[in-house]
Amino acid sequence: MSLTVVTVSGSLRDPEGNNAKGKVIFQLINEISETDSNEIITRRPVVKVLDASGDFSVNLYASNSSSSIPPSTAYRYTTQIEGAPIQEKFFVLDGGVSAINITDLLEIDPGSDLLTSPIMKIIRKPADETLNNTATLQNDDDLKYTLLAGETISFDFNLFVGTGPLAADIKFALNAPSGAVGRWGIVGLAPAATSEVGDTKTTSRVTFDGATSEDVGTDDTVATVVSISGTLINGGTPGDLQLLWAQQTATVGDTKVLTGSTLTVMRIF
C-alpha cells in the first residue's frame, strides 16, 4: 500500500489586498516510512512560488496512515509574502481526501505532541519531591505524559525513592483519561520490609483511576528503586497519564521521590 498523495491549493493576498508575490514552504515534522511499500518520505522542504494570481497548487503525501511509521505527524506551513511578515502554521494532512484548499486544513497547536518525537519520549524528574505525614495521593510534579486521542503506548516509570521512616512505606497510583484501558505492574520492596534486601513485591493492575494504589516498602538507610511499567490504549479523550503517590501510612518524616527518576513512553503503532 502506497502513501496517499493529496493536492493542496490556495490563493494568497498581500497586506494591501493584491495578489501576493512570494512563496510557500511545506515541511514534514517527522520522516515517514511506509511499512508495506518500504517508501520513505524525507523532511526535505517542498517550495512553491506563487503564480501571477497569488495562487499555488502542490502535491503532498498525507501525514496520517495506519500503515506508516509514525501513523500520524504534521506539516509546517510557512508563507513568505512580499510586504508581509513570515508566518508559520502547523497542520495534519488527512489522506481521506484527494484535494483540499489550504483554508480548510485544521491547524494544530504548536505545543502538540505531533510536533515532537513520535516514537519515544523520556521525562526526567529535575528535583526531589517530598511528602511528610500524609497518606493522601497527590500528582507527581513532573512525571506525566499527555496522551493523544486514540494513542497506544507502553510506559516505564523508573523511580528512585529516598530514605524515609520504615513505618510509612510508599504507595503509587496511575490516572488516565476516561475510556483508557490497559494494565500496569509494580516491582519494589515488599511492604514493611526492614532493609533494602528484603522480599520483593510484584503486582499488576488494570485500573487507571488515580485512586487504586499499590504500596511497596522503603528503607531508612539507603534509597531504593521502584519500577512501574505497562501498556495503555487511550480512548477518544486527550489527557494525561499521571503518576500519583503518597505515604502508605501517614508518618512524621520525609518520604521522597528523587531527582533523576524518569518516565519513558514509547508509542505503539
Protein backbone atom coordinates (compact mmCIF):
# COMPACT_ATOMS: atom_id res chain seq x y z
CA MET A 1 0.00 0.00 0.00
CA SER A 2 1.49 3.32 -1.10
CA LEU A 3 1.13 6.55 0.75
CA THR A 4 -1.74 8.76 -0.36
CA VAL A 5 -0.99 11.94 -2.30
CA VAL A 6 -3.19 14.98 -1.64
CA THR A 7 -3.31 18.14 -3.75
CA VAL A 8 -3.20 21.25 -1.56
CA SER A 9 -4.07 24.57 -3.18
CA GLY A 10 -4.54 28.15 -2.08
CA SER A 11 -4.84 31.75 -3.11
CA LEU A 12 -2.93 34.37 -1.12
CA ARG A 13 -3.15 38.15 -0.89
CA ASP A 14 -0.65 40.70 0.38
CA PRO A 15 -1.46 43.22 3.15
CA GLU A 16 -2.88 45.63 0.54
CA GLY A 17 -5.30 43.01 -0.76
CA ASN A 18 -3.44 42.47 -4.02
CA ASN A 19 -2.33 39.17 -5.50
CA ALA A 20 0.53 38.06 -3.30
CA LYS A 21 4.07 37.67 -4.55
CA GLY A 22 6.36 35.21 -2.84
CA LYS A 23 6.38 31.54 -1.96
CA VAL A 24 5.00 28.91 0.38
CA ILE A 25 7.01 26.12 2.03
CA PHE A 26 5.76 22.78 3.32
CA GLN A 27 7.92 20.54 5.50
CA LEU A 28 7.10 17.35 7.37
CA ILE A 29 7.86 17.44 11.08
CA ASN A 30 8.95 13.78 11.00
CA GLU A 31 10.18 11.48 8.26
CA ILE A 32 7.51 8.98 7.18
CA SER A 33 8.23 5.31 6.49
CA GLU A 34 5.55 3.24 4.74
CA THR A 35 5.70 -0.31 6.08
CA ASP A 36 4.02 -2.09 3.15
CA SER A 37 5.79 -0.48 0.19
CA ASN A 38 9.01 0.50 2.03
CA GLU A 39 8.64 4.09 0.82
CA ILE A 40 10.45 6.72 2.87
CA ILE A 41 9.31 10.34 2.70
CA THR A 42 12.03 12.66 3.95
CA ARG A 43 11.70 16.04 5.65
CA ARG A 44 13.01 17.86 2.57
CA PRO A 45 11.06 21.15 2.24
CA VAL A 46 8.64 21.48 -0.68
CA VAL A 47 8.75 25.04 -2.03
CA LYS A 48 6.13 26.54 -4.37
CA VAL A 49 6.42 30.01 -5.91
CA LEU A 50 3.08 31.82 -6.19
CA ASP A 51 1.83 32.47 -9.71
CA ALA A 52 0.74 35.87 -11.02
CA SER A 53 -2.66 35.44 -9.37
CA GLY A 54 -1.13 34.65 -5.98
CA ASP A 55 -2.18 31.03 -6.33
CA PHE A 56 -0.38 27.77 -5.70
CA SER A 57 -1.05 24.04 -6.03
CA VAL A 58 1.19 21.33 -4.63
CA ASN A 59 1.04 17.57 -4.28
CA LEU A 60 1.93 16.36 -0.76
CA TYR A 61 1.93 12.99 0.93
CA ALA A 62 -0.75 12.54 3.57
CA SER A 63 0.72 12.80 7.05
CA ASN A 64 -1.50 10.15 8.62
CA SER A 65 -1.72 6.49 7.64
CA SER A 66 -2.28 3.29 9.61
CA SER A 67 0.49 1.60 7.60
CA SER A 68 3.16 4.25 8.16
CA ILE A 69 5.65 4.96 10.91
CA PRO A 70 4.71 7.18 12.61
CA PRO A 71 0.98 6.75 11.86
CA SER A 72 0.40 10.47 12.30
CA THR A 73 2.64 13.52 12.05
CA ALA A 74 2.23 17.09 10.84
CA TYR A 75 3.39 19.63 8.29
CA ARG A 76 4.94 23.02 8.96
CA TYR A 77 3.41 25.54 6.53
CA THR A 78 5.40 28.76 6.02
CA THR A 79 4.37 31.76 3.92
CA GLN A 80 6.93 34.28 2.67
CA ILE A 81 4.99 37.13 1.09
CA GLU A 82 6.48 40.41 -0.13
CA GLY A 83 5.49 43.24 2.22
CA ALA A 84 4.28 40.86 4.95
CA PRO A 85 5.95 39.15 7.91
CA ILE A 86 6.82 35.48 7.58
CA GLN A 87 4.03 33.33 9.01
CA GLU A 88 4.17 29.74 10.18
CA LYS A 89 1.39 27.27 10.94
CA PHE A 90 1.11 23.51 11.51
CA PHE A 91 -1.49 21.07 10.22
CA VAL A 92 -2.23 17.37 9.70
CA LEU A 93 -2.91 16.38 6.09
CA ASP A 94 -5.61 13.71 6.04
CA GLY A 95 -5.30 11.04 3.37
CA GLY A 96 -9.09 10.66 3.20
CA VAL A 97 -9.35 13.37 0.52
CA SER A 98 -7.64 13.75 -2.84
CA ALA A 99 -7.61 17.56 -2.84
CA ILE A 100 -8.13 20.32 -0.28
CA ASN A 101 -7.82 24.09 -0.01
CA ILE A 102 -5.30 25.39 2.47
CA THR A 103 -8.06 27.30 4.29
CA ASP A 104 -9.89 24.05 5.02
CA LEU A 105 -6.97 22.38 6.78
CA LEU A 106 -7.28 22.05 10.55
CA GLU A 107 -4.49 23.98 12.24
CA ILE A 108 -2.89 22.30 15.26
CA ASP A 109 -1.36 23.84 18.35
CA PRO A 110 2.43 24.40 18.17
CA GLY A 111 2.65 22.57 21.52
CA SER A 112 1.08 19.39 20.16
CA ASP A 113 2.95 16.13 20.70
CA LEU A 114 2.70 15.60 16.94
CA LEU A 115 5.44 18.21 16.65
CA THR A 116 7.86 16.31 18.89
CA SER A 117 9.33 12.81 18.71
CA PRO A 118 6.57 10.40 17.59
CA ILE A 119 8.37 7.30 18.79
CA MET A 120 9.78 7.87 22.28
CA LYS A 121 9.70 10.48 24.99
CA ILE A 122 11.71 10.50 28.23
CA ILE A 123 10.70 12.77 31.09
CA ARG A 124 13.25 13.27 33.87
CA LYS A 125 12.42 14.49 37.35
CA PRO A 126 14.56 17.63 37.86
CA ALA A 127 14.41 17.83 41.68
CA ASP A 128 13.49 15.81 44.75
CA GLU A 129 9.83 15.87 45.75
CA THR A 130 8.85 15.39 49.38
CA LEU A 131 5.73 14.36 51.30
CA ASN A 132 5.52 14.24 55.10
CA ASN A 133 2.83 12.76 57.32
CA THR A 134 0.22 12.25 54.60
CA ALA A 135 -1.41 9.22 53.03
CA THR A 136 -3.40 11.29 50.55
CA LEU A 137 -2.38 10.55 46.96
CA GLN A 138 -1.14 13.56 45.03
CA ASN A 139 0.02 14.12 41.46
CA ASP A 140 3.75 13.88 40.97
CA ASP A 141 5.01 17.33 39.97
CA ASP A 142 6.85 16.12 36.88
CA LEU A 143 6.12 12.54 35.82
CA LYS A 144 3.20 12.65 33.43
CA TYR A 145 2.65 12.22 29.69
CA THR A 146 -0.01 13.92 27.56
CA LEU A 147 -1.92 11.32 25.53
CA LEU A 148 -3.46 11.97 22.14
CA ALA A 149 -6.94 10.65 21.42
CA GLY A 150 -6.66 7.01 20.33
CA GLU A 151 -2.94 6.80 21.15
CA THR A 152 -1.42 3.47 22.23
CA ILE A 153 1.72 3.48 24.37
CA SER A 154 3.99 1.41 26.53
CA PHE A 155 5.44 3.18 29.55
CA ASP A 156 8.07 2.73 32.23
CA PHE A 157 8.45 4.72 35.44
CA ASN A 158 11.92 4.24 36.91
CA LEU A 159 11.64 5.74 40.39
CA PHE A 160 14.31 6.41 42.99
CA VAL A 161 12.75 6.55 46.45
CA GLY A 162 14.73 8.30 49.17
CA THR A 163 15.33 7.09 52.68
CA GLY A 164 12.36 7.57 54.98
CA PRO A 165 10.55 6.22 58.02
CA LEU A 166 10.08 2.44 57.78
CA ALA A 167 6.53 2.69 59.08
CA ALA A 168 5.44 4.94 56.22
CA ASP A 169 6.21 2.82 53.15
CA ILE A 170 5.03 4.40 49.88
CA LYS A 171 2.06 3.85 47.56
CA PHE A 172 1.54 4.65 43.88
CA ALA A 173 -1.42 5.01 41.55
CA LEU A 174 -1.92 5.99 37.91
CA ASN A 175 -4.57 8.19 36.36
CA ALA A 176 -5.54 8.36 32.67
CA PRO A 177 -8.40 9.90 30.68
CA SER A 178 -11.84 8.29 30.84
CA GLY A 179 -12.07 5.44 28.33
CA ALA A 180 -8.39 4.49 28.50
CA VAL A 181 -7.72 0.78 29.03
CA GLY A 182 -4.55 -1.12 29.83
CA ARG A 183 -2.50 -2.79 32.53
CA TRP A 184 0.36 -1.73 34.76
CA GLY A 185 2.60 -3.55 37.16
CA ILE A 186 4.86 -2.54 40.03
CA VAL A 187 8.09 -4.04 41.33
CA GLY A 188 9.65 -2.93 44.61
CA LEU A 189 10.43 -3.93 48.15
CA ALA A 190 7.65 -5.78 49.91
CA PRO A 191 5.64 -3.59 52.31
CA ALA A 192 7.02 -3.47 55.85
CA ALA A 193 10.47 -4.55 54.64
CA THR A 194 13.17 -3.76 57.19
CA SER A 195 16.09 -3.45 54.76
CA GLU A 196 16.82 -2.89 51.09
CA VAL A 197 17.49 -6.62 50.62
CA GLY A 198 14.06 -7.72 51.81
CA ASP A 199 11.38 -9.59 49.88
CA THR A 200 10.17 -8.17 46.56
CA LYS A 201 6.60 -7.31 45.64
CA THR A 202 5.32 -7.74 42.07
CA THR A 203 1.70 -6.87 41.40
CA SER A 204 -0.30 -5.75 38.36
CA ARG A 205 -3.44 -3.63 37.98
CA VAL A 206 -5.89 -2.70 35.22
CA THR A 207 -7.20 0.47 36.88
CA PHE A 208 -6.12 3.99 35.89
CA ASP A 209 -8.47 5.92 38.17
CA GLY A 210 -5.93 7.83 40.24
CA ALA A 211 -7.20 6.19 43.42
CA THR A 212 -6.49 2.45 43.24
CA SER A 213 -2.96 2.19 44.59
CA GLU A 214 -0.22 -0.34 45.24
CA ASP A 215 2.22 0.06 48.12
CA VAL A 216 5.86 -1.01 48.37
CA GLY A 217 8.42 -0.84 51.14
CA THR A 218 11.01 1.83 51.83
CA ASP A 219 14.27 1.83 53.74
CA ASP A 220 15.55 4.23 56.38
CA THR A 221 19.24 3.96 55.48
CA VAL A 222 19.53 3.70 51.67
CA ALA A 223 17.49 4.86 48.67
CA THR A 224 15.55 2.16 46.84
CA VAL A 225 14.23 1.64 43.33
CA VAL A 226 10.63 1.13 42.24
CA SER A 227 9.64 0.14 38.70
CA ILE A 228 6.16 0.69 37.26
CA SER A 229 5.53 -0.41 33.69
CA GLY A 230 2.59 -1.15 31.45
CA THR A 231 0.67 -0.52 28.27
CA LEU A 232 -2.28 1.77 27.63
CA ILE A 233 -4.78 2.35 24.84
CA ASN A 234 -6.34 5.77 25.14
CA GLY A 235 -9.94 6.40 24.15
CA GLY A 236 -11.30 9.44 22.37
CA THR A 237 -10.36 11.95 25.06
CA PRO A 238 -6.88 13.52 25.16
CA GLY A 239 -5.34 13.91 28.61
CA ASP A 240 -2.50 12.95 30.91
CA LEU A 241 -1.13 9.63 32.07
CA GLN A 242 -0.28 10.86 35.56
CA LEU A 243 1.71 9.28 38.39
CA LEU A 244 0.35 9.78 41.91
CA TRP A 245 1.97 8.79 45.21
CA ALA A 246 1.86 9.21 48.97
CA GLN A 247 2.94 7.53 52.17
CA GLN A 248 1.06 4.28 52.69
CA THR A 249 0.71 5.12 56.38
CA ALA A 250 0.80 8.79 57.36
CA THR A 251 4.00 9.15 59.38
CA VAL A 252 6.01 12.11 60.59
CA GLY A 253 9.14 12.07 58.42
CA ASP A 254 10.06 12.80 54.82
CA THR A 255 9.20 10.37 52.03
CA LYS A 256 10.81 11.40 48.75
CA VAL A 257 10.81 10.56 45.06
CA LEU A 258 14.27 11.66 43.99
CA THR A 259 15.69 13.68 41.15
CA GLY A 260 16.71 11.54 38.18
CA SER A 261 13.56 9.42 38.33
CA THR A 262 12.17 9.05 34.82
CA LEU A 263 9.10 8.25 32.76
CA THR A 264 9.82 6.66 29.38
CA VAL A 265 6.99 6.44 26.87
CA MET A 266 7.05 4.52 23.58
CA ARG A 267 4.26 4.96 21.06
CA ILE A 268 2.90 1.65 19.69
CA PHE A 269 1.79 1.56 16.05
